PDB file of N, CA and C in Angstrom:
ATOM      1  N   UNK A   1      -2.943 -18.672  -7.124  1.00  0.00           N
ATOM      2  CA  UNK A   1      -2.124 -17.545  -6.772  1.00  0.00           C
ATOM      3  C   UNK A   1      -2.988 -16.448  -6.115  1.00  0.00           C
ATOM      4  N   UNK A   2      -2.677 -16.130  -4.882  1.00  0.00           N
ATOM      5  CA  UNK A   2      -3.475 -15.170  -4.174  1.00  0.00           C
ATOM      6  C   UNK A   2      -3.131 -13.747  -4.582  1.00  0.00           C
ATOM      7  N   UNK A   3      -1.842 -13.469  -4.736  1.00  0.00           N
ATOM      8  CA  UNK A   3      -1.402 -12.106  -5.057  1.00  0.00           C
ATOM      9  C   UNK A   3      -0.978 -12.045  -6.520  1.00  0.00           C
ATOM     10  N   UNK A   4      -1.515 -11.044  -7.203  1.00  0.00           N
ATOM     11  CA  UNK A   4      -1.171 -10.828  -8.607  1.00  0.00           C
ATOM     12  C   UNK A   4      -0.510  -9.474  -8.757  1.00  0.00           C
ATOM     13  N   UNK A   5       0.168  -9.282  -9.869  1.00  0.00           N
ATOM     14  CA  UNK A   5       0.847  -8.036 -10.137  1.00  0.00           C
ATOM     15  C   UNK A   5      -0.109  -6.840 -10.166  1.00  0.00           C
ATOM     16  N   UNK A   6      -1.262  -7.032 -10.742  1.00  0.00           N
ATOM     17  CA  UNK A   6      -2.216  -5.924 -10.813  1.00  0.00           C
ATOM     18  C   UNK A   6      -2.714  -5.504  -9.440  1.00  0.00           C
ATOM     19  N   UNK A   7      -2.850  -6.444  -8.530  1.00  0.00           N
ATOM     20  CA  UNK A   7      -3.267  -6.134  -7.168  1.00  0.00           C
ATOM     21  C   UNK A   7      -2.214  -5.267  -6.491  1.00  0.00           C
ATOM     22  N   UNK A   8      -0.956  -5.635  -6.642  1.00  0.00           N
ATOM     23  CA  UNK A   8       0.127  -4.863  -6.039  1.00  0.00           C
ATOM     24  C   UNK A   8       0.218  -3.472  -6.652  1.00  0.00           C
ATOM     25  N   UNK A   9       0.062  -3.364  -7.964  1.00  0.00           N
ATOM     26  CA  UNK A   9       0.107  -2.052  -8.615  1.00  0.00           C
ATOM     27  C   UNK A   9      -1.051  -1.193  -8.161  1.00  0.00           C
ATOM     28  N   UNK A  10      -2.249  -1.750  -8.065  1.00  0.00           N
ATOM     29  CA  UNK A  10      -3.422  -0.994  -7.637  1.00  0.00           C
ATOM     30  C   UNK A  10      -3.240  -0.496  -6.204  1.00  0.00           C
ATOM     31  N   UNK A  11      -2.706  -1.363  -5.334  1.00  0.00           N
ATOM     32  CA  UNK A  11      -2.463  -0.951  -3.944  1.00  0.00           C
ATOM     33  C   UNK A  11      -1.430   0.120  -3.865  1.00  0.00           C
ATOM     34  N   UNK A  12      -0.395   0.023  -4.700  1.00  0.00           N
ATOM     35  CA  UNK A  12       0.659   1.037  -4.718  1.00  0.00           C
ATOM     36  C   UNK A  12       0.096   2.383  -5.166  1.00  0.00           C
ATOM     37  N   UNK A  13      -0.695   2.386  -6.236  1.00  0.00           N
ATOM     38  CA  UNK A  13      -1.291   3.635  -6.736  1.00  0.00           C
ATOM     39  C   UNK A  13      -2.202   4.254  -5.698  1.00  0.00           C
ATOM     40  N   UNK A  14      -3.025   3.416  -5.085  1.00  0.00           N
ATOM     41  CA  UNK A  14      -3.947   3.930  -4.068  1.00  0.00           C
ATOM     42  C   UNK A  14      -3.172   4.503  -2.865  1.00  0.00           C
ATOM     43  N   UNK A  15      -2.085   3.869  -2.509  1.00  0.00           N
ATOM     44  CA  UNK A  15      -1.266   4.329  -1.412  1.00  0.00           C
ATOM     45  C   UNK A  15      -0.617   5.673  -1.715  1.00  0.00           C
ATOM     46  N   UNK A  16      -0.133   5.842  -2.938  1.00  0.00           N
ATOM     47  CA  UNK A  16       0.460   7.128  -3.352  1.00  0.00           C
ATOM     48  C   UNK A  16      -0.580   8.230  -3.323  1.00  0.00           C
ATOM     49  N   UNK A  17      -1.789   7.938  -3.804  1.00  0.00           N
ATOM     50  CA  UNK A  17      -2.866   8.934  -3.802  1.00  0.00           C
ATOM     51  C   UNK A  17      -3.221   9.344  -2.376  1.00  0.00           C
ATOM     52  N   UNK A  18      -3.309   8.388  -1.490  1.00  0.00           N
ATOM     53  CA  UNK A  18      -3.640   8.700  -0.095  1.00  0.00           C
ATOM     54  C   UNK A  18      -2.511   9.520   0.543  1.00  0.00           C
ATOM     55  N   UNK A  19      -1.269   9.189   0.236  1.00  0.00           N
ATOM     56  CA  UNK A  19      -0.135   9.938   0.757  1.00  0.00           C
ATOM     57  C   UNK A  19      -0.179  11.413   0.279  1.00  0.00           C
ATOM     58  N   UNK A  20      -0.449  11.586  -1.015  1.00  0.00           N
ATOM     59  CA  UNK A  20      -0.540  12.949  -1.557  1.00  0.00           C
ATOM     60  C   UNK A  20      -1.718  13.715  -0.912  1.00  0.00           C
ATOM     61  N   UNK A  21      -2.846  13.044  -0.794  1.00  0.00           N
ATOM     62  CA  UNK A  21      -4.007  13.710  -0.169  1.00  0.00           C
ATOM     63  C   UNK A  21      -3.709  14.127   1.281  1.00  0.00           C
ATOM     64  N   UNK A  22      -3.017  13.286   2.013  1.00  0.00           N
ATOM     65  CA  UNK A  22      -2.706  13.640   3.412  1.00  0.00           C
ATOM     66  C   UNK A  22      -1.833  14.871   3.458  1.00  0.00           C
ATOM     67  N   UNK A  23      -0.913  14.980   2.531  1.00  0.00           N
ATOM     68  CA  UNK A  23      -0.045  16.161   2.494  1.00  0.00           C
ATOM     69  C   UNK A  23      -0.776  17.409   2.021  1.00  0.00           C
ATOM     70  N   UNK A  24      -1.666  17.257   1.058  1.00  0.00           N
ATOM     71  CA  UNK A  24      -2.458  18.402   0.575  1.00  0.00           C
ATOM     72  C   UNK A  24      -3.365  18.910   1.682  1.00  0.00           C
ATOM     73  N   UNK A  25      -4.003  17.989   2.382  1.00  0.00           N
ATOM     74  CA  UNK A  25      -4.921  18.389   3.472  1.00  0.00           C
ATOM     75  C   UNK A  25      -4.095  19.118   4.565  1.00  0.00           C
ATOM     76  N   UNK A  26      -2.912  18.667   4.839  1.00  0.00           N
ATOM     77  CA  UNK A  26      -2.084  19.327   5.866  1.00  0.00           C
ATOM     78  C   UNK A  26      -1.707  20.729   5.474  1.00  0.00           C
ATOM     79  N   UNK A  27      -1.355  20.918   4.193  1.00  0.00           N
ATOM     80  CA  UNK A  27      -0.889  22.220   3.718  1.00  0.00           C
ATOM     81  C   UNK A  27      -2.036  23.220   3.556  1.00  0.00           C
ATOM     82  N   UNK A  28      -3.224  22.763   3.183  1.00  0.00           N
ATOM     83  CA  UNK A  28      -4.325  23.671   2.849  1.00  0.00           C
ATOM     84  C   UNK A  28      -5.282  23.916   4.011  1.00  0.00           C
ATOM     85  N   UNK A  29      -5.212  23.124   5.049  1.00  0.00           N
ATOM     86  CA  UNK A  29      -6.148  23.256   6.138  1.00  0.00           C
ATOM     87  C   UNK A  29      -5.712  24.306   7.128  1.00  0.00           C
ATOM     88  N   UNK A  30      -6.683  25.067   7.666  1.00  0.00           N
ATOM     89  CA  UNK A  30      -6.380  26.030   8.701  1.00  0.00           C
ATOM     90  C   UNK A  30      -6.025  25.366   9.997  1.00  0.00           C
ATOM     91  N   UNK A  31      -6.628  24.180  10.243  1.00  0.00           N
ATOM     92  CA  UNK A  31      -6.334  23.400  11.430  1.00  0.00           C
ATOM     93  C   UNK A  31      -5.998  21.975  11.015  1.00  0.00           C
ATOM     94  N   UNK A  32      -4.788  21.779  10.558  1.00  0.00           N
ATOM     95  CA  UNK A  32      -4.416  20.394  10.146  1.00  0.00           C
ATOM     96  C   UNK A  32      -4.400  19.500  11.346  1.00  0.00           C
ATOM     97  N   UNK A  33      -4.932  18.371  11.195  1.00  0.00           N
ATOM     98  CA  UNK A  33      -4.986  17.466  12.334  1.00  0.00           C
ATOM     99  C   UNK A  33      -5.780  16.234  12.009  1.00  0.00           C
ATOM    100  N   UNK A  34      -7.041  16.251  12.292  1.00  0.00           N
ATOM    101  CA  UNK A  34      -7.849  15.028  12.230  1.00  0.00           C
ATOM    102  C   UNK A  34      -7.819  14.408  10.831  1.00  0.00           C
ATOM    103  N   UNK A  35      -8.168  15.129   9.819  1.00  0.00           N
ATOM    104  CA  UNK A  35      -8.244  14.549   8.463  1.00  0.00           C
ATOM    105  C   UNK A  35      -6.894  14.063   7.993  1.00  0.00           C
ATOM    106  N   UNK A  36      -5.862  14.892   8.184  1.00  0.00           N
ATOM    107  CA  UNK A  36      -4.528  14.489   7.723  1.00  0.00           C
ATOM    108  C   UNK A  36      -4.001  13.325   8.544  1.00  0.00           C
ATOM    109  N   UNK A  37      -4.333  13.300   9.841  1.00  0.00           N
ATOM    110  CA  UNK A  37      -3.892  12.172  10.651  1.00  0.00           C
ATOM    111  C   UNK A  37      -4.573  10.869  10.228  1.00  0.00           C
ATOM    112  N   UNK A  38      -5.862  10.920   9.937  1.00  0.00           N
ATOM    113  CA  UNK A  38      -6.555   9.747   9.481  1.00  0.00           C
ATOM    114  C   UNK A  38      -5.982   9.241   8.163  1.00  0.00           C
ATOM    115  N   UNK A  39      -5.765  10.171   7.227  1.00  0.00           N
ATOM    116  CA  UNK A  39      -5.188   9.785   5.941  1.00  0.00           C
ATOM    117  C   UNK A  39      -3.780   9.222   6.097  1.00  0.00           C
ATOM    118  N   UNK A  40      -3.005   9.776   7.022  1.00  0.00           N
ATOM    119  CA  UNK A  40      -1.656   9.268   7.280  1.00  0.00           C
ATOM    120  C   UNK A  40      -1.707   7.838   7.815  1.00  0.00           C
ATOM    121  N   UNK A  41      -2.614   7.582   8.732  1.00  0.00           N
ATOM    122  CA  UNK A  41      -2.740   6.198   9.278  1.00  0.00           C
ATOM    123  C   UNK A  41      -3.190   5.237   8.185  1.00  0.00           C
ATOM    124  N   UNK A  42      -4.116   5.663   7.355  1.00  0.00           N
ATOM    125  CA  UNK A  42      -4.566   4.821   6.243  1.00  0.00           C
ATOM    126  C   UNK A  42      -3.397   4.534   5.281  1.00  0.00           C
ATOM    127  N   UNK A  43      -2.580   5.556   5.017  1.00  0.00           N
ATOM    128  CA  UNK A  43      -1.394   5.354   4.197  1.00  0.00           C
ATOM    129  C   UNK A  43      -0.460   4.345   4.805  1.00  0.00           C
ATOM    130  N   UNK A  44      -0.195   4.466   6.103  1.00  0.00           N
ATOM    131  CA  UNK A  44       0.713   3.516   6.757  1.00  0.00           C
ATOM    132  C   UNK A  44       0.166   2.088   6.724  1.00  0.00           C
ATOM    133  N   UNK A  45      -1.121   1.939   6.942  1.00  0.00           N
ATOM    134  CA  UNK A  45      -1.724   0.601   6.874  1.00  0.00           C
ATOM    135  C   UNK A  45      -1.593   0.030   5.459  1.00  0.00           C
ATOM    136  N   UNK A  46      -1.826   0.854   4.467  1.00  0.00           N
ATOM    137  CA  UNK A  46      -1.678   0.430   3.072  1.00  0.00           C
ATOM    138  C   UNK A  46      -0.233   0.081   2.732  1.00  0.00           C
ATOM    139  N   UNK A  47       0.702   0.843   3.287  1.00  0.00           N
ATOM    140  CA  UNK A  47       2.102   0.605   3.022  1.00  0.00           C
ATOM    141  C   UNK A  47       2.525  -0.753   3.648  1.00  0.00           C
ATOM    142  N   UNK A  48       2.109  -1.014   4.846  1.00  0.00           N
ATOM    143  CA  UNK A  48       2.406  -2.277   5.505  1.00  0.00           C
ATOM    144  C   UNK A  48       1.752  -3.419   4.742  1.00  0.00           C
ATOM    145  N   UNK A  49       0.526  -3.234   4.300  1.00  0.00           N
ATOM    146  CA  UNK A  49      -0.150  -4.267   3.511  1.00  0.00           C
ATOM    147  C   UNK A  49       0.590  -4.539   2.215  1.00  0.00           C
ATOM    148  N   UNK A  50       1.084  -3.496   1.590  1.00  0.00           N
ATOM    149  CA  UNK A  50       1.867  -3.639   0.347  1.00  0.00           C
ATOM    150  C   UNK A  50       3.113  -4.468   0.577  1.00  0.00           C
ATOM    151  N   UNK A  51       3.817  -4.196   1.672  1.00  0.00           N
ATOM    152  CA  UNK A  51       5.047  -4.957   1.982  1.00  0.00           C
ATOM    153  C   UNK A  51       4.692  -6.431   2.238  1.00  0.00           C
ATOM    154  N   UNK A  52       3.652  -6.660   3.025  1.00  0.00           N
ATOM    155  CA  UNK A  52       3.246  -8.045   3.340  1.00  0.00           C
ATOM    156  C   UNK A  52       2.842  -8.799   2.039  1.00  0.00           C
ATOM    157  N   UNK A  53       2.092  -8.136   1.183  1.00  0.00           N
ATOM    158  CA  UNK A  53       1.674  -8.787  -0.056  1.00  0.00           C
ATOM    159  C   UNK A  53       2.837  -9.031  -1.011  1.00  0.00           C
ATOM    160  N   UNK A  54       3.843  -8.150  -0.997  1.00  0.00           N
ATOM    161  CA  UNK A  54       5.046  -8.410  -1.790  1.00  0.00           C
ATOM    162  C   UNK A  54       5.804  -9.633  -1.280  1.00  0.00           C
ATOM    163  N   UNK A  55       5.888  -9.768   0.035  1.00  0.00           N
ATOM    164  CA  UNK A  55       6.527 -10.963   0.609  1.00  0.00           C
ATOM    165  C   UNK A  55       5.754 -12.212   0.267  1.00  0.00           C
ATOM    166  N   UNK A  56       4.436 -12.150   0.371  1.00  0.00           N
ATOM    167  CA  UNK A  56       3.603 -13.310   0.014  1.00  0.00           C
ATOM    168  C   UNK A  56       3.771 -13.668  -1.457  1.00  0.00           C
ATOM    169  N   UNK A  57       3.834 -12.686  -2.323  1.00  0.00           N
ATOM    170  CA  UNK A  57       4.022 -12.925  -3.745  1.00  0.00           C
ATOM    171  C   UNK A  57       5.385 -13.574  -4.004  1.00  0.00           C
ATOM    172  N   UNK A  58       6.432 -13.134  -3.302  1.00  0.00           N
ATOM    173  CA  UNK A  58       7.749 -13.703  -3.468  1.00  0.00           C
ATOM    174  C   UNK A  58       7.763 -15.168  -3.001  1.00  0.00           C
ATOM    175  N   UNK A  59       7.110 -15.452  -1.897  1.00  0.00           N
ATOM    176  CA  UNK A  59       7.067 -16.822  -1.375  1.00  0.00           C
ATOM    177  C   UNK A  59       6.273 -17.709  -2.346  1.00  0.00           C
ATOM    178  N   UNK A  60       5.168 -17.216  -2.865  1.00  0.00           N
ATOM    179  CA  UNK A  60       4.383 -17.986  -3.817  1.00  0.00           C
ATOM    180  C   UNK A  60       5.203 -18.264  -5.080  1.00  0.00           C
ATOM    181  N   UNK A  61       5.958 -17.302  -5.522  1.00  0.00           N
ATOM    182  CA  UNK A  61       6.783 -17.468  -6.724  1.00  0.00           C
ATOM    183  C   UNK A  61       7.839 -18.526  -6.484  1.00  0.00           C
ATOM    184  N   UNK A  62       8.480 -18.471  -5.311  1.00  0.00           N
ATOM    185  CA  UNK A  62       9.526 -19.479  -5.005  1.00  0.00           C
ATOM    186  C   UNK A  62       8.908 -20.882  -4.907  1.00  0.00           C
ATOM    187  N   UNK A  63       7.737 -20.981  -4.310  1.00  0.00           N
ATOM    188  CA  UNK A  63       7.098 -22.294  -4.177  1.00  0.00           C
ATOM    189  C   UNK A  63       6.684 -22.849  -5.528  1.00  0.00           C
ATOM    190  N   UNK A  64       6.195 -22.018  -6.433  1.00  0.00           N
ATOM    191  CA  UNK A  64       5.795 -22.507  -7.742  1.00  0.00           C
ATOM    192  C   UNK A  64       7.017 -22.918  -8.575  1.00  0.00           C
ATOM    193  N   UNK A  65       8.127 -22.253  -8.378  1.00  0.00           N
ATOM    194  CA  UNK A  65       9.345 -22.627  -9.080  1.00  0.00           C
ATOM    195  C   UNK A  65       9.878 -23.959  -8.598  1.00  0.00           C
ATOM    196  N   UNK A  66       9.796 -24.168  -7.268  1.00  0.00           N
ATOM    197  CA  UNK A  66      10.289 -25.449  -6.688  1.00  0.00           C
ATOM    198  C   UNK A  66       9.390 -26.592  -7.113  1.00  0.00           C
ATOM    199  N   UNK A  67       8.104 -26.329  -7.211  1.00  0.00           N
ATOM    200  CA  UNK A  67       7.153 -27.386  -7.592  1.00  0.00           C
ATOM    201  C   UNK A  67       7.355 -27.795  -9.047  1.00  0.00           C
ATOM    202  N   UNK A  68       7.717 -26.857  -9.891  1.00  0.00           N
ATOM    203  CA  UNK A  68       7.899 -27.179 -11.328  1.00  0.00           C
ATOM    204  C   UNK A  68       9.271 -27.752 -11.614  1.00  0.00           C
ATOM    205  N   UNK A  69      10.199 -27.616 -10.717  1.00  0.00           N
ATOM    206  CA  UNK A  69      11.549 -28.126 -10.953  1.00  0.00           C
ATOM    207  C   UNK A  69      11.707 -29.591 -10.652  1.00  0.00           C
TER     208      UNK A  69
END
């Protein structure tokens, strides 16, 4: 099994932290831009990765159920 529940949870937590950081940087910076934009892009990449890994986990789960049936 490539994807485990702990991996998905860790990626979700990291993604939430990056999202919060990007918003904090935007609100507290005199010139919001570069740092918040970089954090926003990293958040989006993590979000897409989370979706892809959830789909992979679902496919793996279906395959293991079919193999055992």
